[in-house]
Protein backbone atom coordinates (compact mmCIF):
# COMPACT_ATOMS: atom_id res chain seq x y z
CA MET A 1 65.55 -13.36 -5.87
CA THR A 2 62.24 -12.95 -7.67
CA GLY A 3 60.64 -11.72 -10.85
CA ALA A 4 62.59 -10.63 -13.88
CA ALA A 5 66.00 -10.95 -12.19
CA LYS A 6 65.34 -14.61 -11.41
CA LEU A 7 64.06 -15.30 -14.93
CA ASP A 8 67.14 -13.61 -16.39
CA LEU A 9 69.46 -15.84 -14.37
CA LEU A 10 67.57 -18.98 -15.33
CA ALA A 11 67.62 -17.91 -18.99
CA GLN A 12 71.41 -17.52 -18.84
CA ALA A 13 71.97 -20.87 -17.12
CA SER A 14 72.86 -24.14 -18.84
CA ILE A 15 72.26 -26.47 -15.88
CA PHE A 16 70.28 -26.17 -12.64
CA ILE A 17 71.80 -27.68 -9.50
CA LEU A 18 69.91 -28.30 -6.24
CA PRO A 19 72.09 -30.46 -3.93
CA SER A 20 69.66 -30.41 -1.04
CA TYR A 21 69.43 -32.54 2.08
CA GLN A 22 65.79 -31.62 2.72
CA GLU A 23 63.07 -30.47 0.37
CA ASN A 24 59.41 -30.98 -0.16
CA LEU A 25 58.38 -29.97 -3.66
CA PRO A 26 60.91 -27.25 -4.53
CA VAL A 27 59.40 -24.47 -6.61
CA ALA A 28 62.88 -23.46 -7.77
CA LEU A 29 63.27 -26.89 -9.35
CA LEU A 30 59.92 -26.54 -11.14
CA GLU A 31 60.92 -23.10 -12.39
CA ALA A 32 64.21 -24.41 -13.77
CA MET A 33 62.45 -27.32 -15.42
CA ALA A 34 59.89 -24.97 -16.98
CA MET A 35 62.76 -22.90 -18.37
CA GLY A 36 64.11 -26.00 -20.14
CA LEU A 37 67.14 -26.63 -17.96
CA PRO A 38 68.54 -30.07 -17.20
CA VAL A 39 68.77 -30.58 -13.44
CA VAL A 40 71.17 -32.21 -11.05
CA THR A 41 69.62 -32.70 -7.64
CA THR A 42 69.23 -35.07 -4.72
CA PRO A 43 66.54 -37.76 -4.35
CA VAL A 44 64.91 -36.34 -1.21
CA ALA A 45 61.19 -35.98 -0.42
CA GLY A 46 59.17 -35.19 -3.57
CA ILE A 47 62.11 -34.67 -5.93
CA PRO A 48 62.23 -38.25 -7.30
CA ASP A 49 58.62 -37.74 -8.46
CA MET A 50 59.85 -34.80 -10.53
CA VAL A 51 63.20 -36.03 -11.82
CA GLU A 52 63.70 -39.32 -13.62
CA GLU A 53 67.36 -40.33 -13.43
CA GLY A 54 69.03 -39.91 -16.80
CA ARG A 55 65.89 -38.74 -18.60
CA ASN A 56 65.29 -35.17 -17.45
CA GLY A 57 68.10 -34.84 -14.94
CA PHE A 58 70.39 -36.63 -12.55
CA LEU A 59 69.76 -37.68 -8.96
CA VAL A 60 72.81 -37.74 -6.71
CA PRO A 61 72.70 -38.88 -3.08
CA PRO A 62 73.06 -36.02 -0.58
CA GLY A 63 76.71 -35.45 0.25
CA ASP A 64 78.02 -37.33 -2.82
CA TYR A 65 80.29 -34.53 -4.03
CA ALA A 66 82.17 -36.73 -6.48
CA GLY A 67 78.91 -37.93 -8.04
CA LEU A 68 77.65 -34.37 -8.26
CA ALA A 69 80.86 -33.23 -9.98
CA GLU A 70 80.75 -36.20 -12.39
CA ARG A 71 77.17 -35.39 -13.48
CA LEU A 72 78.00 -31.70 -13.92
CA VAL A 73 81.07 -32.48 -16.06
CA ARG A 74 79.03 -34.93 -18.13
CA LEU A 75 76.36 -32.31 -18.80
CA ALA A 76 78.92 -29.59 -19.45
CA HIS A 77 80.54 -31.70 -22.17
CA ASP A 78 77.33 -32.97 -23.80
CA PRO A 79 75.13 -30.24 -25.32
CA ALA A 80 72.80 -32.84 -26.89
CA LEU A 81 72.13 -34.38 -23.46
CA ARG A 82 71.51 -30.94 -21.93
CA ARG A 83 69.07 -30.15 -24.72
CA SER A 84 67.18 -33.46 -24.50
CA MET A 85 66.89 -33.25 -20.70
CA GLY A 86 65.75 -29.64 -20.94
CA GLU A 87 63.10 -30.55 -23.51
CA ALA A 88 61.93 -33.44 -21.31
CA ASN A 89 61.61 -31.01 -18.39
CA VAL A 90 59.50 -28.54 -20.33
CA ALA A 91 57.21 -31.39 -21.42
CA LYS A 92 56.99 -32.77 -17.86
CA VAL A 93 56.05 -29.38 -16.39
CA ARG A 94 53.39 -28.86 -19.05
CA GLN A 95 51.97 -32.37 -18.58
CA GLU A 96 52.13 -32.66 -14.79
CA TYR A 97 52.70 -29.33 -13.06
CA HIS A 98 50.92 -26.68 -15.13
CA PRO A 99 48.71 -24.44 -12.92
CA ALA A 100 45.62 -25.32 -14.97
CA LEU A 101 46.16 -28.98 -14.12
CA PHE A 102 46.34 -28.21 -10.41
CA ALA A 103 43.17 -26.13 -10.62
CA LYS A 104 41.40 -29.06 -12.27
CA ARG A 105 42.68 -31.50 -9.64
CA ILE A 106 41.47 -29.25 -6.83
CA ALA A 107 38.09 -28.82 -8.54
CA ASP A 108 37.84 -32.61 -8.89
CA VAL A 109 38.46 -33.04 -5.16
CA TYR A 110 35.71 -30.54 -4.31
CA ARG A 111 33.36 -32.14 -6.84
CA LYS A 112 33.99 -35.55 -5.31
CA LEU A 113 33.35 -34.22 -1.81
CA LEU A 114 30.14 -32.56 -2.89
CA ASP A 115 28.91 -35.69 -4.68
CA GLU A 116 29.95 -38.12 -1.94
CA PRO A 117 27.00 -39.67 -0.05
CA SER A 118 28.50 -39.36 3.41
CA ALA A 119 28.28 -37.18 6.49
CA ALA A 120 31.37 -35.30 5.35
CA GLY A 121 29.97 -34.93 1.84
CA ASP A 122 26.61 -33.76 3.18
CA SER A 123 28.32 -31.21 5.41
CA ALA A 124 30.38 -29.95 2.49
CA ARG A 125 27.27 -29.61 0.32
CA ARG A 126 25.48 -27.67 3.05
CA ARG A 127 28.48 -25.39 3.62
CA VAL A 128 28.72 -24.57 -0.09
CA ALA A 129 24.98 -23.90 -0.20
CA GLY A 130 25.35 -21.58 2.80
CA GLU A 131 23.18 -23.76 5.02
CA PRO A 132 23.98 -24.12 8.73
CA VAL A 133 26.01 -27.19 9.61
CA GLN A 134 25.61 -28.72 13.07
CA ASP A 135 27.51 -31.98 12.96
CA ASP A 136 30.78 -33.38 14.32
CA VAL A 137 32.67 -32.69 11.09
CA ALA A 138 31.85 -28.97 11.11
CA GLY A 139 32.37 -28.71 14.85
CA ASN A 140 35.97 -29.83 14.48
CA ILE A 141 36.90 -27.26 11.86
């Protein structure tokens, strides 16, 4: 599901649940957080970097169905907790995952490479300037 239909479903939701066994950095989780939803998910791969237990969501071990149910019931019965976790998620997305932040981080990496006094940095500078590059670094790309 994409676009307006997905946004409509997220807008109607009270809680976002992602009981995954494998993830990397799930975009669906970021989208739910940006929409102000509290989350219940599993602490796999990059998820613990996104979700702080008890602050902006709950982390339940994969396969812990009883723990998952307990966290869902707790959130269902506590509107103030849902609201505070949702607000924490909106703030976290704005502070750490906003596209402008990623663009700046990528620009910083390129700037560092271009300013670095090394063979790799020199090759990068020459590539950006459109100059021919004839070294081991360029030959391996």
